[in-house]
Amino acid sequence: MEPITLTTERLLLRPFRRSDADEVYAACQDPDIQRWTVVPSPYSRADAELFTEKLSPGGWQDDSMYNFAVVRRDGGAMTGALGINRRTLPGTYEVGFWTAKEHRGLGYMTEAVRAAAHWTFTALGGDRLEWRAEVGNVPSRAVAQRAGFRLEGDQRSGLLNKGVRRDTWVGALLPSDLGLPGVHPYLPAKSPTGAPASGRTGRSTAP
């Protein structure tokens, strides 16, 4: 897929550029980003160059992952990074993100995740967008919930981070959660009372 740019009220989600390496390197010196995400630790300038110059463009080229620099429209300061990754099951994607320390608490990443989710369902033909984070990563969970993700439970040993397997929280967003049609019909499992367990009808469309 050709790289594209998404626009929100305050942000641009654009492909990474070679010139972004300095800002990525600076942001990823934050101990919280190194602790809670799978970025290398310690994080070197070479890691930032690999990410911006090779891994991110390569993901667009082979349709495996779509990484966006999340920047402010009123000056271009980078607030964070967001990626949409393909999962094995057709139509299923996963979102991952980090926010630079000085831009946290302003709702930027929630705004970016909502825009990326809409793009995933409309441009990529996604039927399910997953979010997962290590148990204890409360800020990431808050972003996911504000963006509309429904928490689905825990996964034991669901994440491999720097050679250690860790438990994760898992959530998902469906097209119908955003009032969008899905590619395939969706038939939710029924609860013991006979009602759909999700509280929705059996099609992936807006109620």
Protein backbone atom coordinates (compact mmCIF):
# COMPACT_ATOMS: atom_id res chain seq x y z
CA MET A 1 0.00 0.00 0.00
CA GLU A 2 1.14 3.52 -0.73
CA PRO A 3 1.76 5.47 2.51
CA ILE A 4 -1.04 7.89 3.36
CA THR A 5 -1.69 10.70 5.85
CA LEU A 6 -4.71 10.87 8.15
CA THR A 7 -6.03 14.16 9.51
CA THR A 8 -7.90 14.84 12.74
CA GLU A 9 -8.95 18.05 14.45
CA ARG A 10 -5.53 18.57 16.03
CA LEU A 11 -3.24 16.00 14.46
CA LEU A 12 -1.66 14.56 11.35
CA LEU A 13 -0.89 10.86 11.23
CA ARG A 14 1.76 10.62 8.53
CA PRO A 15 4.42 8.12 7.48
CA PHE A 16 7.75 8.37 9.26
CA ARG A 17 10.56 10.26 7.55
CA ARG A 18 14.32 10.00 7.83
CA SER A 19 14.28 13.40 9.55
CA ASP A 20 12.10 12.01 12.39
CA ALA A 21 14.96 9.96 13.83
CA ASP A 22 16.06 12.66 16.29
CA GLU A 23 12.58 13.06 17.79
CA VAL A 24 12.01 9.31 17.95
CA TYR A 25 15.37 8.82 19.65
CA ALA A 26 14.65 11.57 22.18
CA ALA A 27 11.16 10.29 23.01
CA CYS A 28 12.33 6.71 23.44
CA GLN A 29 14.85 7.68 26.12
CA ASP A 30 11.81 7.80 28.43
CA PRO A 31 12.07 4.88 30.89
CA ASP A 32 8.30 4.32 30.72
CA ILE A 33 8.38 3.79 26.94
CA GLN A 34 11.28 1.36 27.29
CA ARG A 35 9.55 -0.46 30.15
CA TRP A 36 6.07 -0.86 28.74
CA THR A 37 6.64 -1.20 24.99
CA VAL A 38 8.78 -3.55 22.94
CA VAL A 39 11.24 -0.86 21.81
CA PRO A 40 14.87 -1.80 22.55
CA SER A 41 16.36 -0.86 25.90
CA PRO A 42 18.69 0.95 25.96
CA TYR A 43 17.45 2.80 22.88
CA SER A 44 20.16 4.06 20.54
CA ARG A 45 20.27 6.54 17.68
CA ALA A 46 20.81 3.54 15.39
CA ASP A 47 17.52 2.04 16.66
CA ALA A 48 15.69 5.25 15.75
CA GLU A 49 17.27 5.30 12.29
CA LEU A 50 16.35 1.64 11.70
CA PHE A 51 12.75 2.33 12.70
CA THR A 52 12.27 5.50 10.63
CA GLU A 53 14.35 4.60 7.57
CA LYS A 54 13.82 0.84 7.13
CA LEU A 55 11.22 -0.83 9.32
CA SER A 56 8.44 1.74 8.87
CA PRO A 57 8.80 2.16 5.07
CA GLY A 58 9.21 -1.61 4.70
CA GLY A 59 5.94 -2.28 6.53
CA TRP A 60 4.03 -0.11 4.05
CA GLN A 61 5.75 -1.78 1.12
CA ASP A 62 4.91 -5.35 2.13
CA ASP A 63 1.53 -4.55 3.74
CA SER A 64 2.55 -6.01 7.09
CA MET A 65 2.42 -2.90 9.28
CA TYR A 66 1.45 0.72 8.86
CA ASN A 67 3.39 3.04 11.15
CA PHE A 68 2.39 6.66 11.62
CA ALA A 69 4.20 9.58 13.20
CA VAL A 70 1.54 11.41 15.23
CA VAL A 71 2.28 15.13 14.87
CA ARG A 72 0.46 18.31 15.80
CA ARG A 73 -1.09 20.23 12.94
CA ASP A 74 -0.15 23.58 14.47
CA GLY A 75 3.59 23.18 14.15
CA GLY A 76 4.50 19.58 13.48
CA ALA A 77 5.79 18.59 16.93
CA MET A 78 5.76 14.80 17.24
CA THR A 79 3.42 13.68 20.00
CA GLY A 80 3.93 9.96 19.56
CA ALA A 81 3.88 6.95 17.27
CA LEU A 82 1.08 4.60 16.23
CA GLY A 83 1.18 1.38 14.26
CA ILE A 84 -1.47 -0.86 12.72
CA ASN A 85 -0.19 -4.43 12.29
CA ARG A 86 -1.75 -7.29 10.38
CA ARG A 87 -2.66 -10.39 12.37
CA THR A 88 -2.81 -13.93 11.00
CA LEU A 89 -6.62 -14.10 10.91
CA PRO A 90 -7.87 -12.29 7.78
CA GLY A 91 -9.46 -8.94 8.55
CA THR A 92 -7.85 -8.75 11.99
CA TYR A 93 -5.35 -6.02 12.91
CA GLU A 94 -3.62 -4.85 16.06
CA VAL A 95 -2.91 -1.27 17.16
CA GLY A 96 0.15 -0.25 19.15
CA PHE A 97 1.28 3.19 20.24
CA TRP A 98 3.43 5.32 22.50
CA THR A 99 3.14 8.96 23.50
CA ALA A 100 6.07 11.29 24.15
CA LYS A 101 6.22 12.24 27.82
CA GLU A 102 5.64 15.97 27.33
CA HIS A 103 2.45 15.34 25.31
CA ARG A 104 0.66 12.97 27.67
CA GLY A 105 -2.66 13.76 29.28
CA LEU A 106 -3.92 15.89 26.39
CA GLY A 107 -5.98 13.28 24.55
CA TYR A 108 -3.74 13.21 21.48
CA MET A 109 -3.32 9.45 21.33
CA THR A 110 -7.01 8.74 21.87
CA GLU A 111 -7.74 11.05 18.94
CA ALA A 112 -5.10 9.29 16.83
CA VAL A 113 -6.32 5.78 17.70
CA ARG A 114 -9.90 6.66 16.72
CA ALA A 115 -8.74 7.97 13.35
CA ALA A 116 -6.53 4.95 12.72
CA ALA A 117 -9.35 2.59 13.68
CA HIS A 118 -11.74 4.24 11.22
CA TRP A 119 -9.09 3.95 8.50
CA THR A 120 -8.47 0.28 9.36
CA PHE A 121 -12.15 -0.56 8.94
CA THR A 122 -12.76 1.51 5.82
CA ALA A 123 -9.49 1.35 3.86
CA LEU A 124 -8.00 -1.98 4.97
CA GLY A 125 -11.25 -3.92 5.19
CA GLY A 126 -10.70 -4.75 8.84
CA ASP A 127 -13.36 -6.58 10.83
CA ARG A 128 -11.56 -6.49 14.18
CA LEU A 129 -8.92 -4.19 15.66
CA GLU A 130 -7.15 -5.59 18.70
CA TRP A 131 -5.30 -3.81 21.48
CA ARG A 132 -3.09 -5.50 24.02
CA ALA A 133 -0.76 -4.20 26.70
CA GLU A 134 1.14 -5.71 29.56
CA VAL A 135 -0.93 -6.02 32.72
CA GLY A 136 -0.22 -2.88 34.71
CA ASN A 137 0.05 -0.49 31.76
CA VAL A 138 -2.85 1.62 32.98
CA PRO A 139 -2.26 4.64 30.68
CA SER A 140 -2.42 2.44 27.56
CA ARG A 141 -5.61 0.81 28.81
CA ALA A 142 -7.14 4.24 29.45
CA VAL A 143 -6.40 5.32 25.86
CA ALA A 144 -7.95 2.12 24.50
CA GLN A 145 -11.10 2.49 26.59
CA ARG A 146 -11.54 6.17 25.68
CA ALA A 147 -11.18 5.18 22.02
CA GLY A 148 -14.04 2.70 22.42
CA PHE A 149 -12.26 -0.62 22.81
CA ARG A 150 -14.07 -3.26 24.83
CA LEU A 151 -11.82 -5.07 27.30
CA GLU A 152 -12.03 -8.83 26.76
CA GLY A 153 -9.84 -10.20 29.55
CA ASP A 154 -6.30 -11.28 30.31
CA GLN A 155 -3.85 -13.45 28.41
CA ARG A 156 -1.26 -15.40 30.33
CA SER A 157 2.19 -15.09 28.75
CA GLY A 158 0.63 -13.03 25.94
CA LEU A 159 3.59 -10.74 25.28
CA LEU A 160 7.28 -11.32 24.70
CA ASN A 161 9.14 -8.17 25.72
CA LYS A 162 12.94 -8.08 25.78
CA GLY A 163 13.24 -11.82 26.30
CA VAL A 164 10.61 -12.09 29.05
CA ARG A 165 7.06 -13.37 28.55
CA ARG A 166 4.45 -11.28 30.35
CA ASP A 167 0.69 -11.35 30.95
CA THR A 168 -1.42 -8.94 28.93
CA TRP A 169 -4.74 -7.18 28.92
CA VAL A 170 -6.67 -7.62 25.67
CA GLY A 171 -9.40 -5.55 24.08
CA ALA A 172 -10.99 -5.13 20.67
CA LEU A 173 -12.90 -2.65 18.56
CA LEU A 174 -15.33 -3.74 15.84
CA PRO A 175 -16.65 -1.75 12.88
CA SER A 176 -20.11 -1.71 14.46
CA ASP A 177 -18.67 0.06 17.51
CA LEU A 178 -18.01 3.02 15.20
CA GLY A 179 -21.27 2.72 13.29
CA LEU A 180 -19.54 1.14 10.29
CA PRO A 181 -20.39 -2.00 8.31
CA GLY A 182 -18.11 -5.00 8.51
CA VAL A 183 -16.76 -7.03 5.61
CA HIS A 184 -18.11 -10.33 6.97
CA PRO A 185 -21.33 -10.96 8.92
CA TYR A 186 -20.78 -11.20 12.67
CA LEU A 187 -22.82 -13.60 14.80
CA PRO A 188 -22.14 -12.98 18.51
CA ALA A 189 -22.33 -15.88 20.95
CA LYS A 190 -25.48 -15.91 23.05
CA SER A 191 -25.51 -15.51 26.80
CA PRO A 192 -27.24 -18.12 29.02
CA THR A 193 -30.38 -15.98 28.86
CA GLY A 194 -30.50 -16.35 25.08
CA ALA A 195 -29.61 -12.74 24.30
CA PRO A 196 -26.51 -11.93 22.22
CA ALA A 197 -23.57 -11.82 24.62
CA SER A 198 -22.32 -8.61 23.10
CA GLY A 199 -25.69 -6.93 23.37
CA ARG A 200 -25.73 -6.44 19.60
CA THR A 201 -27.52 -8.04 16.71
CA GLY A 202 -25.85 -10.68 14.58
CA ARG A 203 -24.54 -8.37 11.86
CA SER A 204 -21.47 -6.15 11.98
CA THR A 205 -23.43 -3.00 11.24
CA ALA A 206 -24.58 -0.04 13.27
CA PRO A 207 -27.68 -0.71 15.38
